[in-house]
Amino acid sequence: MKKKILIFALGFLVTGCTTTKQYKLSFDSQPQGASLICNGQSMGYTPQVLYYDDVEYSPEGPNTFGISNRCQGVWSSGASGFYPTQFPIYPSGGTVYTLQRPNVPGYSQDAEFALKVRNLEANQRVAVAAQRSASAAEQQNFNKIMNQNNSFNNTINCKKMGVSLYPEIKTFSSMICPLGWMQAF
C-alpha cells in the first residue's frame, strides 16, 4: 500500500501542476471585412480573435512571440496582404494587429463590403437577442402554466365515507384522500 502511495506522489511531483495560459491575438484590417486565411484555412472576416497557448508577458523581456501559421488578409476586391509572424506581448493579455490594405484599385468595393459585413453582424446580434427574448417569454409562460397546474393538482376534494344525505366535502392539499375519505367527483 505504501508503495502505491509513494508511486502516486512521485508521479504527481514529476508531472507537476501545470496551467495553460492563452494569449489573445486580434487580427484586424483597414478596411475591416477582409477574409482572414491562416495556413490555407478560412478563419472568418476581420476583426477576428485567435488564442495562442503558453504565451506570457515577462517584465524582464523579450516580450514578443512568434506564430507558426502564416495568416493573410484577402479583401473582396482581391487585394491581399500578409500579417507578420512575430507579435509584441502586452501585460493586458492581448495584441491587436491591423493590416493596412495595399494601395491598389478596388478600395470602394472593399469599403462597401466591410459595411455589409458590419450590417450582417448587427442583424445577427438583433436576431439572437430576439430569439433569446422569445425563449425567455416562452419559458416564463411554461413556468406560469406549470405553477397554475401544480397548485390545482396539489389539492383534492374528498367526501367523508358513510351513509349520509349531505356528505361532508373537504379540500385536502395532497393528491390522495386520507383514510375514511373518498374522492368527490
C-alpha atoms as a PDB file:
ATOM      1  CA  MET A   1       0.000   0.000   0.000  1.00  0.00           C
ATOM      2  CA  LYS A   2       2.844   2.374   0.898  1.00  0.00           C
ATOM      3  CA  LYS A   3       4.481   1.681  -2.486  1.00  0.00           C
ATOM      4  CA  LYS A   4       1.295   2.678  -4.329  1.00  0.00           C
ATOM      5  CA  ILE A   5       1.056   5.972  -2.424  1.00  0.00           C
ATOM      6  CA  LEU A   6       4.765   6.651  -2.998  1.00  0.00           C
ATOM      7  CA  ILE A   7       4.443   5.972  -6.747  1.00  0.00           C
ATOM      8  CA  PHE A   8       1.392   8.266  -6.939  1.00  0.00           C
ATOM      9  CA  ALA A   9       3.207  11.031  -5.036  1.00  0.00           C
ATOM     10  CA  LEU A  10       6.315  10.717  -7.226  1.00  0.00           C
ATOM     11  CA  GLY A  11       4.159  10.821 -10.369  1.00  0.00           C
ATOM     12  CA  PHE A  12       2.458  13.990  -9.122  1.00  0.00           C
ATOM     13  CA  LEU A  13       5.809  15.621  -8.319  1.00  0.00           C
ATOM     14  CA  VAL A  14       7.300  14.714 -11.705  1.00  0.00           C
ATOM     15  CA  THR A  15       4.318  15.904 -13.779  1.00  0.00           C
ATOM     16  CA  GLY A  16       3.594  18.863 -11.534  1.00  0.00           C
ATOM     17  CA  CYS A  17       0.551  21.022 -11.664  1.00  0.00           C
ATOM     18  CA  THR A  18       0.513  22.833 -14.996  1.00  0.00           C
ATOM     19  CA  THR A  19      -1.755  25.563 -16.277  1.00  0.00           C
ATOM     20  CA  THR A  20      -2.035  26.682 -19.858  1.00  0.00           C
ATOM     21  CA  LYS A  21      -2.043  30.427 -20.401  1.00  0.00           C
ATOM     22  CA  GLN A  22      -3.780  31.657 -23.512  1.00  0.00           C
ATOM     23  CA  TYR A  23      -2.917  34.897 -25.233  1.00  0.00           C
ATOM     24  CA  LYS A  24      -5.455  36.756 -27.365  1.00  0.00           C
ATOM     25  CA  LEU A  25      -4.291  37.912 -30.784  1.00  0.00           C
ATOM     26  CA  SER A  26      -6.800  40.061 -32.679  1.00  0.00           C
ATOM     27  CA  PHE A  27      -6.392  40.179 -36.442  1.00  0.00           C
ATOM     28  CA  ASP A  28      -7.920  43.366 -37.849  1.00  0.00           C
ATOM     29  CA  SER A  29      -7.727  45.084 -41.216  1.00  0.00           C
ATOM     30  CA  GLN A  30      -8.300  48.506 -42.708  1.00  0.00           C
ATOM     31  CA  PRO A  31     -10.945  48.418 -44.070  1.00  0.00           C
ATOM     32  CA  GLN A  32     -12.438  45.631 -41.970  1.00  0.00           C
ATOM     33  CA  GLY A  33     -14.172  42.678 -43.594  1.00  0.00           C
ATOM     34  CA  ALA A  34     -11.124  41.056 -45.180  1.00  0.00           C
ATOM     35  CA  SER A  35     -11.122  37.259 -45.145  1.00  0.00           C
ATOM     36  CA  LEU A  36      -8.583  36.001 -42.610  1.00  0.00           C
ATOM     37  CA  ILE A  37      -6.843  32.930 -44.009  1.00  0.00           C
ATOM     38  CA  CYS A  38      -4.302  31.095 -41.858  1.00  0.00           C
ATOM     39  CA  ASN A  39      -2.393  28.135 -43.334  1.00  0.00           C
ATOM     40  CA  GLY A  40      -4.949  27.928 -46.136  1.00  0.00           C
ATOM     41  CA  GLN A  41      -7.910  27.741 -43.720  1.00  0.00           C
ATOM     42  CA  SER A  42     -10.561  30.479 -43.621  1.00  0.00           C
ATOM     43  CA  MET A  43     -10.962  31.877 -40.108  1.00  0.00           C
ATOM     44  CA  GLY A  44     -13.775  34.347 -40.925  1.00  0.00           C
ATOM     45  CA  TYR A  45     -13.829  38.086 -41.577  1.00  0.00           C
ATOM     46  CA  THR A  46     -11.712  40.651 -39.771  1.00  0.00           C
ATOM     47  CA  PRO A  47     -11.711  41.593 -36.988  1.00  0.00           C
ATOM     48  CA  GLN A  48     -11.112  38.048 -35.782  1.00  0.00           C
ATOM     49  CA  VAL A  49      -9.626  36.796 -32.498  1.00  0.00           C
ATOM     50  CA  LEU A  50      -7.390  33.745 -32.233  1.00  0.00           C
ATOM     51  CA  TYR A  51      -5.963  32.343 -28.999  1.00  0.00           C
ATOM     52  CA  TYR A  52      -2.434  31.032 -28.578  1.00  0.00           C
ATOM     53  CA  ASP A  53      -1.278  28.798 -25.717  1.00  0.00           C
ATOM     54  CA  ASP A  54       1.681  29.327 -23.394  1.00  0.00           C
ATOM     55  CA  VAL A  55       2.275  32.995 -24.165  1.00  0.00           C
ATOM     56  CA  GLU A  56       3.056  35.088 -21.124  1.00  0.00           C
ATOM     57  CA  TYR A  57       4.230  38.649 -20.540  1.00  0.00           C
ATOM     58  CA  SER A  58       7.542  38.940 -18.722  1.00  0.00           C
ATOM     59  CA  PRO A  59       8.776  42.251 -17.295  1.00  0.00           C
ATOM     60  CA  GLU A  60      12.345  41.069 -17.999  1.00  0.00           C
ATOM     61  CA  GLY A  61      11.542  40.571 -21.733  1.00  0.00           C
ATOM     62  CA  PRO A  62      11.794  39.722 -24.561  1.00  0.00           C
ATOM     63  CA  ASN A  63       8.125  40.351 -24.999  1.00  0.00           C
ATOM     64  CA  THR A  64       7.427  39.007 -28.448  1.00  0.00           C
ATOM     65  CA  PHE A  65       6.095  35.695 -29.637  1.00  0.00           C
ATOM     66  CA  GLY A  66       6.047  34.011 -32.985  1.00  0.00           C
ATOM     67  CA  ILE A  67       3.247  32.113 -34.646  1.00  0.00           C
ATOM     68  CA  SER A  68       3.880  29.199 -36.943  1.00  0.00           C
ATOM     69  CA  ASN A  69       0.784  29.706 -39.073  1.00  0.00           C
ATOM     70  CA  ARG A  70       1.085  32.252 -41.866  1.00  0.00           C
ATOM     71  CA  CYS A  71      -2.017  34.475 -41.918  1.00  0.00           C
ATOM     72  CA  GLN A  72      -3.233  36.570 -44.812  1.00  0.00           C
ATOM     73  CA  GLY A  73      -5.953  39.179 -45.233  1.00  0.00           C
ATOM     74  CA  VAL A  74      -7.846  38.998 -48.529  1.00  0.00           C
ATOM     75  CA  TRP A  75     -10.349  41.730 -49.380  1.00  0.00           C
ATOM     76  CA  SER A  76     -13.368  41.213 -51.646  1.00  0.00           C
ATOM     77  CA  SER A  77     -11.646  43.117 -54.483  1.00  0.00           C
ATOM     78  CA  GLY A  78      -8.808  40.580 -54.492  1.00  0.00           C
ATOM     79  CA  ALA A  79      -6.323  42.873 -52.744  1.00  0.00           C
ATOM     80  CA  SER A  80      -4.336  40.970 -50.137  1.00  0.00           C
ATOM     81  CA  GLY A  81      -1.544  41.268 -47.626  1.00  0.00           C
ATOM     82  CA  PHE A  82       0.233  39.092 -45.060  1.00  0.00           C
ATOM     83  CA  TYR A  83       0.257  39.526 -41.291  1.00  0.00           C
ATOM     84  CA  PRO A  84       3.633  39.320 -39.560  1.00  0.00           C
ATOM     85  CA  THR A  85       4.630  36.132 -37.766  1.00  0.00           C
ATOM     86  CA  GLN A  86       6.156  37.960 -34.765  1.00  0.00           C
ATOM     87  CA  PHE A  87       3.926  39.945 -32.413  1.00  0.00           C
ATOM     88  CA  PRO A  88       4.540  42.012 -29.278  1.00  0.00           C
ATOM     89  CA  ILE A  89       3.211  40.718 -25.960  1.00  0.00           C
ATOM     90  CA  TYR A  90       1.426  43.186 -23.679  1.00  0.00           C
ATOM     91  CA  PRO A  91       0.638  42.761 -19.962  1.00  0.00           C
ATOM     92  CA  SER A  92      -3.058  43.323 -20.735  1.00  0.00           C
ATOM     93  CA  GLY A  93      -3.142  39.828 -22.221  1.00  0.00           C
ATOM     94  CA  GLY A  94      -3.878  40.707 -25.821  1.00  0.00           C
ATOM     95  CA  THR A  95      -2.444  42.142 -29.009  1.00  0.00           C
ATOM     96  CA  VAL A  96      -4.326  43.769 -31.871  1.00  0.00           C
ATOM     97  CA  TYR A  97      -2.662  43.909 -35.263  1.00  0.00           C
ATOM     98  CA  THR A  98      -4.311  45.893 -38.065  1.00  0.00           C
ATOM     99  CA  LEU A  99      -3.309  45.022 -41.625  1.00  0.00           C
ATOM    100  CA  GLN A 100      -3.462  48.009 -43.970  1.00  0.00           C
ATOM    101  CA  ARG A 101      -4.977  47.327 -47.379  1.00  0.00           C
ATOM    102  CA  PRO A 102      -2.429  47.764 -50.185  1.00  0.00           C
ATOM    103  CA  ASN A 103      -2.897  50.827 -52.355  1.00  0.00           C
ATOM    104  CA  VAL A 104      -4.386  49.026 -55.369  1.00  0.00           C
ATOM    105  CA  PRO A 105      -7.683  49.559 -57.241  1.00  0.00           C
ATOM    106  CA  GLY A 106     -10.919  48.324 -55.635  1.00  0.00           C
ATOM    107  CA  TYR A 107     -10.913  50.212 -52.318  1.00  0.00           C
ATOM    108  CA  SER A 108     -14.547  51.366 -52.681  1.00  0.00           C
ATOM    109  CA  GLN A 109     -15.656  47.739 -53.254  1.00  0.00           C
ATOM    110  CA  ASP A 110     -13.807  46.642 -50.113  1.00  0.00           C
ATOM    111  CA  ALA A 111     -15.212  49.513 -48.026  1.00  0.00           C
ATOM    112  CA  GLU A 112     -18.747  48.684 -49.222  1.00  0.00           C
ATOM    113  CA  PHE A 113     -18.220  45.005 -48.385  1.00  0.00           C
ATOM    114  CA  ALA A 114     -16.954  45.971 -44.907  1.00  0.00           C
ATOM    115  CA  LEU A 115     -20.173  47.902 -44.348  1.00  0.00           C
ATOM    116  CA  LYS A 116     -22.246  44.892 -45.484  1.00  0.00           C
ATOM    117  CA  VAL A 117     -20.338  42.608 -43.092  1.00  0.00           C
ATOM    118  CA  ARG A 118     -20.949  45.035 -40.192  1.00  0.00           C
ATOM    119  CA  ASN A 119     -24.669  45.243 -41.040  1.00  0.00           C
ATOM    120  CA  LEU A 120     -24.906  41.457 -41.270  1.00  0.00           C
ATOM    121  CA  GLU A 121     -23.236  41.071 -37.860  1.00  0.00           C
ATOM    122  CA  ALA A 122     -25.579  43.683 -36.351  1.00  0.00           C
ATOM    123  CA  ASN A 123     -28.624  41.898 -37.817  1.00  0.00           C
ATOM    124  CA  GLN A 124     -27.345  38.594 -36.419  1.00  0.00           C
ATOM    125  CA  ARG A 125     -26.983  40.148 -32.955  1.00  0.00           C
ATOM    126  CA  VAL A 126     -30.549  41.524 -33.176  1.00  0.00           C
ATOM    127  CA  ALA A 127     -31.852  38.111 -34.294  1.00  0.00           C
ATOM    128  CA  VAL A 128     -30.046  36.335 -31.444  1.00  0.00           C
ATOM    129  CA  ALA A 129     -31.404  38.863 -28.919  1.00  0.00           C
ATOM    130  CA  ALA A 130     -34.947  38.426 -30.288  1.00  0.00           C
ATOM    131  CA  GLN A 131     -34.589  34.649 -30.133  1.00  0.00           C
ATOM    132  CA  ARG A 132     -33.351  34.809 -26.528  1.00  0.00           C
ATOM    133  CA  SER A 133     -36.215  37.138 -25.618  1.00  0.00           C
ATOM    134  CA  ALA A 134     -38.768  34.816 -27.230  1.00  0.00           C
ATOM    135  CA  SER A 135     -37.238  31.814 -25.461  1.00  0.00           C
ATOM    136  CA  ALA A 136     -37.355  33.633 -22.130  1.00  0.00           C
ATOM    137  CA  ALA A 137     -41.013  34.587 -22.674  1.00  0.00           C
ATOM    138  CA  GLU A 138     -41.833  31.008 -23.661  1.00  0.00           C
ATOM    139  CA  GLN A 139     -40.084  29.693 -20.543  1.00  0.00           C
ATOM    140  CA  GLN A 140     -41.923  32.236 -18.407  1.00  0.00           C
ATOM    141  CA  ASN A 141     -45.277  31.140 -19.885  1.00  0.00           C
ATOM    142  CA  PHE A 142     -44.387  27.495 -19.324  1.00  0.00           C
ATOM    143  CA  ASN A 143     -43.433  28.182 -15.697  1.00  0.00           C
ATOM    144  CA  LYS A 144     -46.675  30.119 -15.166  1.00  0.00           C
ATOM    145  CA  ILE A 145     -48.767  27.252 -16.568  1.00  0.00           C
ATOM    146  CA  MET A 146     -46.837  24.698 -14.516  1.00  0.00           C
ATOM    147  CA  ASN A 147     -47.334  26.739 -11.346  1.00  0.00           C
ATOM    148  CA  GLN A 148     -51.070  27.006 -12.037  1.00  0.00           C
ATOM    149  CA  ASN A 149     -51.281  23.286 -12.737  1.00  0.00           C
ATOM    150  CA  ASN A 150     -49.230  22.429  -9.689  1.00  0.00           C
ATOM    151  CA  SER A 151     -51.419  24.465  -7.341  1.00  0.00           C
ATOM    152  CA  PHE A 152     -54.516  22.878  -8.877  1.00  0.00           C
ATOM    153  CA  ASN A 153     -53.108  19.357  -8.911  1.00  0.00           C
ATOM    154  CA  ASN A 154     -51.861  19.530  -5.330  1.00  0.00           C
ATOM    155  CA  THR A 155     -55.386  19.728  -3.938  1.00  0.00           C
ATOM    156  CA  ILE A 156     -58.157  17.158  -3.969  1.00  0.00           C
ATOM    157  CA  ASN A 157     -61.827  17.274  -2.964  1.00  0.00           C
ATOM    158  CA  CYS A 158     -62.837  14.394  -0.724  1.00  0.00           C
ATOM    159  CA  LYS A 159     -66.120  13.365   0.894  1.00  0.00           C
ATOM    160  CA  LYS A 160     -66.444  11.551   4.203  1.00  0.00           C
ATOM    161  CA  MET A 161     -67.342   7.899   3.782  1.00  0.00           C
ATOM    162  CA  GLY A 162     -70.589   6.694   5.250  1.00  0.00           C
ATOM    163  CA  VAL A 163     -74.300   6.875   4.533  1.00  0.00           C
ATOM    164  CA  SER A 164     -75.434  10.440   4.665  1.00  0.00           C
ATOM    165  CA  LEU A 165     -77.878  12.535   2.719  1.00  0.00           C
ATOM    166  CA  TYR A 166     -75.494  15.517   2.714  1.00  0.00           C
ATOM    167  CA  PRO A 167     -71.940  14.155   2.880  1.00  0.00           C
ATOM    168  CA  GLU A 168     -69.213  16.402   4.209  1.00  0.00           C
ATOM    169  CA  ILE A 169     -66.787  17.532   1.449  1.00  0.00           C
ATOM    170  CA  LYS A 170     -63.354  18.951   2.201  1.00  0.00           C
ATOM    171  CA  THR A 171     -60.401  20.039   0.105  1.00  0.00           C
ATOM    172  CA  PHE A 172     -57.079  18.484   1.064  1.00  0.00           C
ATOM    173  CA  SER A 173     -53.678  19.695  -0.063  1.00  0.00           C
ATOM    174  CA  SER A 174     -52.442  16.363  -1.304  1.00  0.00           C
ATOM    175  CA  MET A 175     -53.060  14.009  -4.177  1.00  0.00           C
ATOM    176  CA  ILE A 176     -54.779  11.304  -2.079  1.00  0.00           C
ATOM    177  CA  CYS A 177     -57.765  11.430   0.234  1.00  0.00           C
ATOM    178  CA  PRO A 178     -56.966  10.445   3.828  1.00  0.00           C
ATOM    179  CA  LEU A 179     -58.339   7.285   5.448  1.00  0.00           C
ATOM    180  CA  GLY A 180     -62.097   7.425   5.919  1.00  0.00           C
ATOM    181  CA  TRP A 181     -62.487   9.788   2.977  1.00  0.00           C
ATOM    182  CA  MET A 182     -63.010   9.152  -0.719  1.00  0.00           C
ATOM    183  CA  GLN A 183     -62.565  11.370  -3.751  1.00  0.00           C
ATOM    184  CA  ALA A 184     -65.589  13.543  -4.524  1.00  0.00           C
ATOM    185  CA  PHE A 185     -66.378  13.843  -8.228  1.00  0.00           C
END
